Each structure stands twice: as C-alpha cells, then as structure tokens.
Amino acid sequence: MERNFLKRVLKISVRSGRIFLLWYITMIFESRQAAGKMLAKKLFEYKSNNEMCVMAIPRGGVVTGAEIAEQLNLPLEAISIKKLGAPFNPELAIGAVAQNNTKYIDRDLIAKLAVTEEYLERETEEKMKEVEERVFKYKINLNSLTKHAKFILTDDGIATGATVRAALTFIQNLSKLTGVKRWAILAIPVAAKDTAALFKNEADKIIILHESEDFGAVGQFYRNFSQVEDEEVINILEKYRRK
C-alpha cells in the first residue's frame, strides 16, 4: 500500500555564533507513482479532455506522468530536454536545451559564475546532440504534439527549474509554430520554495503539492526514488501514447 506523509525535520542553524533549532514540515511521497496519483486528484476536472495531453520530462517525470495519464484517461508524451551544467559542477544547471532547438539560458547565474561564451556554446552543442538522440530513442513526434492545444507539464520535482523553463518555452514555441495558442498547466509534486515562486507567471495554472524551504535534492522527498532506465520510459510511452 502506497503512503504519503508529512514529516517534521529538525535543522540546526548557526548564525552570528548563536545556535538555532529550526523545524521544517516536509512531504514524503511513497514513490513517483504515488505522487502522480496525488496530482491527478487535483486535475480531475480535465479527465478525458480531448484537447489535453500530459507532457512529461524524462526520465522520472514520465513515471509520474503515466499515473496522471492513467487516472485522467489522457495521452502521454515525453519532451526531450537536457540541462546545461556549470563548469566544474555539472549538476548545477546554468540553463537547459530541448527539442526543436529550444533553449533557456540563465544569464544571471552565468554572469555570477563567470561562464565563458566558449564554454556555453560547447556545452549547448553537446547537450543538443543528446536531446536529438533522445528524440529518436523515445520516438517523440513533433507533429503529434501540435495536435494538442492544452498540456499538463510534469516532472518528479523541481530543483533549479531550468528544465521546466525550457519545456514551457517549447510549449510557447508550439504556439508560434502553428499560430494556435497553447495552454499549459505545471503540475509538480515538490519544488524548492524559492524556485516555485519564480514560476507564478510562467504557466496558465500551477499545482505544486509541496514547496520546501529545506530543499537539497528531489530524491529526499521520496521513500522510493529508484533509477528510471530508458527501457522503462519507452515502455510507458508505448502504453500511454496515442497515435
């Protein structure tokens, strides 16, 4: 039986030589599937909506998205995205690139880290190749995406938000490509509180189940956060994708 629960976390903070004990309330999800079911309950009004498609960010987001698609009787599609890693710290996102030559660049962070344009160009070119490889591997069809006017964009969590920003930009670009306005709901189980605040005007509707002031990594909010392999993603997409 899957159980999601709230957990009190005690943190010790030292400020100006003084020790403070701080309590945080943290949501712990049993699994990505359980988080997806919780999101689906918040999205029930869109069940069997012919204009709607669940768009998931691989790999973990596809598992979450599959539950939303299952519960709401909606098609599921993936979007191919890769974050741009900072020099000497590839886990820190300075931006992200997505299919159809979509880019999001965090210029403020790049300036703060003194990232050179040469590095940025090299990293962008390398990650764009990986994006195209994933499009082929997951059989993502741009034409099938243009059939939908409304999207539920999901992932298993948001840390810096770079990949989600690239995905939202991709959806906006679909509007420009076809001349038909696209409507996007951002549906996420957990996000860093400061990052969540940045998305208030980025989507038509936002559902974030838990905003954390003590965000280290997405995995800390799950009891089961096992690695998702490409084969699992492909199998899920084959099941929930509609031709």
Foldseek 3Di string as FASTA:
>chain_A
DWDKDKDWDWDWDADPNDIDIDIWIAIAGAALLRLLLVLLVVVQVCAPPPQEEEEAEDDQRLNSSLNNCVSRVHFYDYWQKDFQADVVGGVDGQAMATPPGFTDGNVVVCVVSVPDPVSVVVSVVVSVVVRVVVCVLLVGDPVLVLSHQEYEYEHAEEEQCRRVLSVLRVQCVSCVVVVHHHAYEYGYAEYAQVNVVVCPPSHPHYHYNYHTPDDDDSVVRYPDDDDDDSVNSSVSNVVRHDD
